[in-house]
């Protein structure tokens, strides 16, 4: 479990996060949602230590991240997996090499042990036949699955995903959502997903944090999101769903005309 308490962060005198508190539960898909510029990305970056807040606490299973020394931070990072928006694969490495990378950096495994672990992770994301291919030789959805395999290679306790469905078609997005959901439950990971994809919210939103203008305005799950009386959340849900329906229609029409 990760707890954020009274987090405040500013840039150039402008407050981006206003006294934000939230709890992200173990074994659940925790989603941070909000419009562009709402502060959701700054919140995630604060939790993983990419930016430092002026006030507040960030507790990893009771351990205060902001009070850790260099050695403690290094040890904690070994427990964290990251899935970046653009997959961030190494073009010069094979699929297998990409998944092995964190193992070579942060473990004392033998090469045989690393190979076994990397192949296990690839099998878990249904890519066991692609290990010799390079990122340029596989689809965007497959690249995302490689990135997920790499993110879980170290068997993390905490998994952070930044817009995991960015650039993917609706069907592939659903597959990625289901994979993240299944891995979260199977391995008991505290998974935090930063997203504006309402299909993800409605599909795997077990604990949803809505950020609006730097404030945490609503917390709930996918069943409760349509009964909320929060006007800003209703506006966000309606506008996003309408946009995605139009986008899906355009993609479908383009496919028909090919």
Protein backbone atom coordinates (compact mmCIF):
# COMPACT_ATOMS: atom_id res chain seq x y z
CA UNK A 1 0.00 0.00 0.00
CA UNK A 2 1.14 3.53 -0.77
CA UNK A 3 -0.25 6.47 1.17
CA UNK A 4 0.07 10.10 0.15
CA UNK A 5 -0.66 12.62 2.89
CA UNK A 6 -1.14 16.37 2.46
CA UNK A 7 1.12 16.61 -0.59
CA UNK A 8 1.85 20.09 -1.92
CA UNK A 9 4.02 20.85 -4.96
CA UNK A 10 4.72 24.13 -6.76
CA UNK A 11 6.65 25.21 -9.84
CA UNK A 12 7.81 28.81 -10.33
CA UNK A 13 5.50 30.04 -7.59
CA UNK A 14 2.44 28.27 -8.99
CA UNK A 15 0.93 25.54 -6.82
CA UNK A 16 0.24 22.39 -8.87
CA UNK A 17 -0.80 20.04 -6.05
CA UNK A 18 -2.85 21.43 -3.17
CA UNK A 19 -2.64 19.36 0.03
CA UNK A 20 -3.44 16.10 -1.80
CA UNK A 21 -4.06 12.91 0.19
CA UNK A 22 -4.81 9.48 -1.28
CA UNK A 23 -4.40 5.78 -0.60
CA UNK A 24 -3.32 3.26 -3.25
CA UNK A 25 -4.15 -0.30 -2.28
CA UNK A 26 -2.15 -3.50 -2.71
CA UNK A 27 -3.64 -6.02 -5.14
CA UNK A 28 -5.85 -3.42 -6.81
CA UNK A 29 -5.61 -1.35 -9.97
CA UNK A 30 -5.41 2.21 -8.64
CA UNK A 31 -6.14 4.84 -11.31
CA UNK A 32 -5.29 8.54 -11.24
CA UNK A 33 -7.54 10.43 -13.65
CA UNK A 34 -8.07 14.06 -14.60
CA UNK A 35 -7.82 16.51 -17.44
CA UNK A 36 -4.49 17.57 -18.95
CA UNK A 37 -2.85 20.01 -16.56
CA UNK A 38 -4.85 18.78 -13.58
CA UNK A 39 -1.75 17.69 -11.67
CA UNK A 40 -2.12 13.92 -12.02
CA UNK A 41 1.27 13.50 -13.70
CA UNK A 42 2.97 15.64 -11.05
CA UNK A 43 1.32 13.47 -8.38
CA UNK A 44 2.73 10.29 -9.92
CA UNK A 45 6.17 11.85 -10.41
CA UNK A 46 6.16 12.92 -6.77
CA UNK A 47 5.33 9.41 -5.59
CA UNK A 48 8.22 7.85 -7.55
CA UNK A 49 10.66 10.61 -6.63
CA UNK A 50 11.07 12.35 -9.97
CA UNK A 51 9.99 15.62 -8.33
CA UNK A 52 10.16 16.59 -4.67
CA UNK A 53 7.10 18.12 -2.98
CA UNK A 54 7.44 21.02 -0.55
CA UNK A 55 5.12 19.47 2.02
CA UNK A 56 3.54 16.12 2.83
CA UNK A 57 4.35 12.45 3.27
CA UNK A 58 4.70 9.53 0.85
CA UNK A 59 4.51 6.21 2.67
CA UNK A 60 5.45 2.90 1.03
CA UNK A 61 3.93 0.33 3.40
CA UNK A 62 4.59 2.73 6.24
CA UNK A 63 8.08 3.78 5.09
CA UNK A 64 8.37 7.54 4.60
CA UNK A 65 9.96 7.96 1.16
CA UNK A 66 10.79 11.63 1.70
CA UNK A 67 12.85 10.84 4.81
CA UNK A 68 14.89 7.99 3.31
CA UNK A 69 18.64 8.26 2.87
CA UNK A 70 20.38 7.43 -0.42
CA UNK A 71 20.84 3.74 0.40
CA UNK A 72 17.20 3.34 1.44
CA UNK A 73 15.99 5.04 -1.74
CA UNK A 74 18.18 2.74 -3.83
CA UNK A 75 16.77 -0.32 -2.07
CA UNK A 76 13.21 0.91 -2.56
CA UNK A 77 13.75 1.45 -6.28
CA UNK A 78 14.49 -2.26 -6.61
CA UNK A 79 10.90 -2.85 -5.50
CA UNK A 80 9.45 -0.54 -8.17
CA UNK A 81 8.49 -1.34 -11.76
CA UNK A 82 7.86 1.39 -14.33
CA UNK A 83 5.81 1.28 -17.52
CA UNK A 84 6.48 4.43 -19.53
CA UNK A 85 4.05 6.07 -21.93
CA UNK A 86 6.14 5.34 -25.01
CA UNK A 87 7.30 1.90 -23.82
CA UNK A 88 10.92 3.26 -23.79
CA UNK A 89 12.47 0.10 -25.22
CA UNK A 90 16.08 -0.01 -26.36
CA UNK A 91 16.05 -0.17 -30.16
CA UNK A 92 19.44 -1.89 -30.31
CA UNK A 93 18.38 -4.68 -27.95
CA UNK A 94 16.19 -7.67 -28.75
CA UNK A 95 12.93 -8.25 -26.93
CA UNK A 96 14.73 -10.67 -24.62
CA UNK A 97 17.58 -8.20 -24.07
CA UNK A 98 15.14 -5.46 -23.09
CA UNK A 99 13.50 -7.64 -20.46
CA UNK A 100 16.88 -8.79 -19.12
CA UNK A 101 18.16 -5.21 -18.74
CA UNK A 102 16.92 -4.52 -15.17
CA UNK A 103 18.12 -7.97 -14.11
CA UNK A 104 21.66 -7.18 -15.27
CA UNK A 105 21.55 -3.79 -13.54
CA UNK A 106 20.04 -4.65 -10.18
CA UNK A 107 20.61 -8.35 -9.43
CA UNK A 108 23.47 -10.77 -8.92
CA UNK A 109 21.76 -13.53 -10.91
CA UNK A 110 23.80 -15.75 -13.20
CA UNK A 111 23.16 -15.33 -16.92
CA UNK A 112 21.21 -18.60 -16.92
CA UNK A 113 18.99 -17.36 -14.09
CA UNK A 114 18.41 -14.05 -15.89
CA UNK A 115 17.46 -15.86 -19.09
CA UNK A 116 14.99 -18.06 -17.20
CA UNK A 117 13.40 -15.07 -15.47
CA UNK A 118 13.17 -12.97 -18.65
CA UNK A 119 11.63 -15.85 -20.59
CA UNK A 120 9.13 -16.48 -17.79
CA UNK A 121 8.06 -12.81 -17.92
CA UNK A 122 7.70 -12.91 -21.70
CA UNK A 123 5.61 -16.04 -21.42
CA UNK A 124 3.41 -14.29 -18.85
CA UNK A 125 2.59 -11.56 -21.39
CA UNK A 126 2.18 -14.11 -24.23
CA UNK A 127 5.33 -13.14 -26.13
CA UNK A 128 7.38 -16.30 -25.77
CA UNK A 129 7.92 -16.51 -29.54
CA UNK A 130 9.23 -12.97 -29.98
CA UNK A 131 12.38 -12.94 -27.87
CA UNK A 132 14.81 -12.64 -30.82
CA UNK A 133 12.94 -9.80 -32.52
CA UNK A 134 13.85 -6.11 -32.21
CA UNK A 135 11.32 -3.44 -31.13
CA UNK A 136 11.08 -2.11 -34.71
CA UNK A 137 9.94 -5.54 -35.88
CA UNK A 138 6.88 -5.80 -33.59
CA UNK A 139 3.62 -3.88 -33.24
CA UNK A 140 2.90 -1.11 -30.75
CA UNK A 141 0.78 -3.46 -28.65
CA UNK A 142 3.56 -6.04 -28.55
CA UNK A 143 6.06 -3.33 -27.60
CA UNK A 144 3.81 -2.41 -24.68
CA UNK A 145 3.70 -6.04 -23.56
CA UNK A 146 7.51 -6.20 -23.72
CA UNK A 147 7.59 -3.09 -21.53
CA UNK A 148 5.24 -4.79 -19.05
CA UNK A 149 7.45 -7.90 -19.00
CA UNK A 150 10.47 -5.70 -18.30
CA UNK A 151 8.57 -3.84 -15.57
CA UNK A 152 7.76 -7.06 -13.70
CA UNK A 153 11.16 -8.71 -14.25
CA UNK A 154 12.36 -7.74 -10.77
CA UNK A 155 9.12 -9.00 -9.23
CA UNK A 156 8.17 -5.50 -8.01
CA UNK A 157 5.92 -4.70 -5.06
CA UNK A 158 4.89 -1.43 -6.73
CA UNK A 159 4.09 -0.85 -10.41
CA UNK A 160 3.66 2.60 -11.97
CA UNK A 161 2.09 2.98 -15.42
CA UNK A 162 2.02 6.30 -17.27
CA UNK A 163 -0.73 6.35 -19.91
CA UNK A 164 -0.23 2.65 -20.81
CA UNK A 165 -2.80 2.79 -23.64
CA UNK A 166 -1.39 5.83 -25.38
CA UNK A 167 -1.26 5.31 -29.14
CA UNK A 168 -3.00 1.94 -29.08
CA UNK A 169 -6.21 0.93 -30.86
CA UNK A 170 -9.27 0.18 -28.65
CA UNK A 171 -8.98 -3.61 -28.87
CA UNK A 172 -5.28 -3.64 -27.95
CA UNK A 173 -5.95 -1.15 -25.14
CA UNK A 174 -8.42 -3.58 -23.59
CA UNK A 175 -5.86 -6.39 -23.79
CA UNK A 176 -3.25 -4.22 -22.03
CA UNK A 177 -5.78 -3.22 -19.34
CA UNK A 178 -6.70 -6.85 -18.70
CA UNK A 179 -3.04 -7.87 -18.55
CA UNK A 180 -2.23 -5.15 -15.99
CA UNK A 181 -5.30 -6.12 -13.95
CA UNK A 182 -4.42 -9.82 -13.99
CA UNK A 183 -0.76 -9.25 -13.08
CA UNK A 184 -1.76 -6.92 -10.24
CA UNK A 185 -4.03 -9.54 -8.68
CA UNK A 186 -1.83 -12.52 -9.45
CA UNK A 187 1.29 -11.07 -7.81
CA UNK A 188 -0.31 -8.80 -5.21
CA UNK A 189 1.22 -5.62 -6.63
CA UNK A 190 0.32 -2.05 -5.69
CA UNK A 191 -0.38 -0.78 -9.22
CA UNK A 192 -0.88 2.93 -9.96
CA UNK A 193 -2.02 3.91 -13.45
CA UNK A 194 -2.06 7.48 -14.69
CA UNK A 195 -4.69 7.64 -17.45
CA UNK A 196 -7.33 9.70 -19.22
CA UNK A 197 -8.78 6.62 -20.96
CA UNK A 198 -12.35 6.15 -19.76
CA UNK A 199 -12.42 2.63 -21.18
CA UNK A 200 -9.66 1.77 -18.69
CA UNK A 201 -11.58 3.47 -15.90
CA UNK A 202 -14.73 1.49 -16.62
CA UNK A 203 -12.84 -1.74 -17.24
CA UNK A 204 -10.33 -1.98 -14.41
CA UNK A 205 -10.98 1.02 -12.14
CA UNK A 206 -10.96 -0.60 -8.71
CA UNK A 207 -9.73 2.50 -6.87
CA UNK A 208 -10.03 5.78 -8.77
CA UNK A 209 -8.53 9.11 -7.69
CA UNK A 210 -9.89 12.13 -9.56
CA UNK A 211 -7.58 15.16 -9.58
CA UNK A 212 -9.01 18.52 -10.61
CA UNK A 213 -6.94 21.71 -10.68
CA UNK A 214 -4.46 20.21 -8.26
CA UNK A 215 -7.04 19.05 -5.72
CA UNK A 216 -8.19 15.51 -4.97
CA UNK A 217 -11.90 15.94 -5.62
CA UNK A 218 -13.27 12.40 -5.68
CA UNK A 219 -12.38 8.83 -4.76
CA UNK A 220 -14.37 5.76 -5.75
CA UNK A 221 -14.55 2.79 -8.11
CA UNK A 222 -15.93 2.09 -11.58
CA UNK A 223 -19.38 1.20 -10.19
CA UNK A 224 -19.76 4.53 -8.39
CA UNK A 225 -18.35 6.86 -11.02
CA UNK A 226 -21.67 7.30 -12.88
CA UNK A 227 -23.60 8.14 -9.72
CA UNK A 228 -21.27 10.90 -8.53
CA UNK A 229 -22.62 14.39 -7.91
CA UNK A 230 -19.20 15.96 -8.52
CA UNK A 231 -19.78 18.31 -11.46
CA UNK A 232 -16.14 18.44 -12.57
CA UNK A 233 -15.94 14.65 -12.65
CA UNK A 234 -19.21 14.39 -14.56
CA UNK A 235 -17.91 16.89 -17.12
CA UNK A 236 -14.67 14.93 -17.48
CA UNK A 237 -16.42 11.57 -17.85
CA UNK A 238 -18.95 12.82 -20.40
CA UNK A 239 -16.45 14.77 -22.52
CA UNK A 240 -13.91 11.93 -22.54
CA UNK A 241 -16.46 9.24 -23.39
CA UNK A 242 -17.88 11.38 -26.23
CA UNK A 243 -14.39 11.99 -27.65
CA UNK A 244 -13.54 8.30 -27.51
CA UNK A 245 -16.79 7.30 -29.26
CA UNK A 246 -16.07 9.76 -32.08
CA UNK A 247 -12.46 8.55 -32.33
CA UNK A 248 -13.58 4.90 -32.41
CA UNK A 249 -16.12 5.73 -35.16
CA UNK A 250 -13.47 7.48 -37.27
CA UNK A 251 -11.05 4.54 -36.88
CA UNK A 252 -13.80 2.08 -37.83
CA UNK A 253 -14.73 4.07 -40.92
CA UNK A 254 -11.08 4.35 -41.97
CA UNK A 255 -10.69 0.58 -41.66
CA UNK A 256 -13.78 0.01 -43.79
CA UNK A 257 -12.38 2.23 -46.53
CA UNK A 258 -8.98 0.50 -46.68
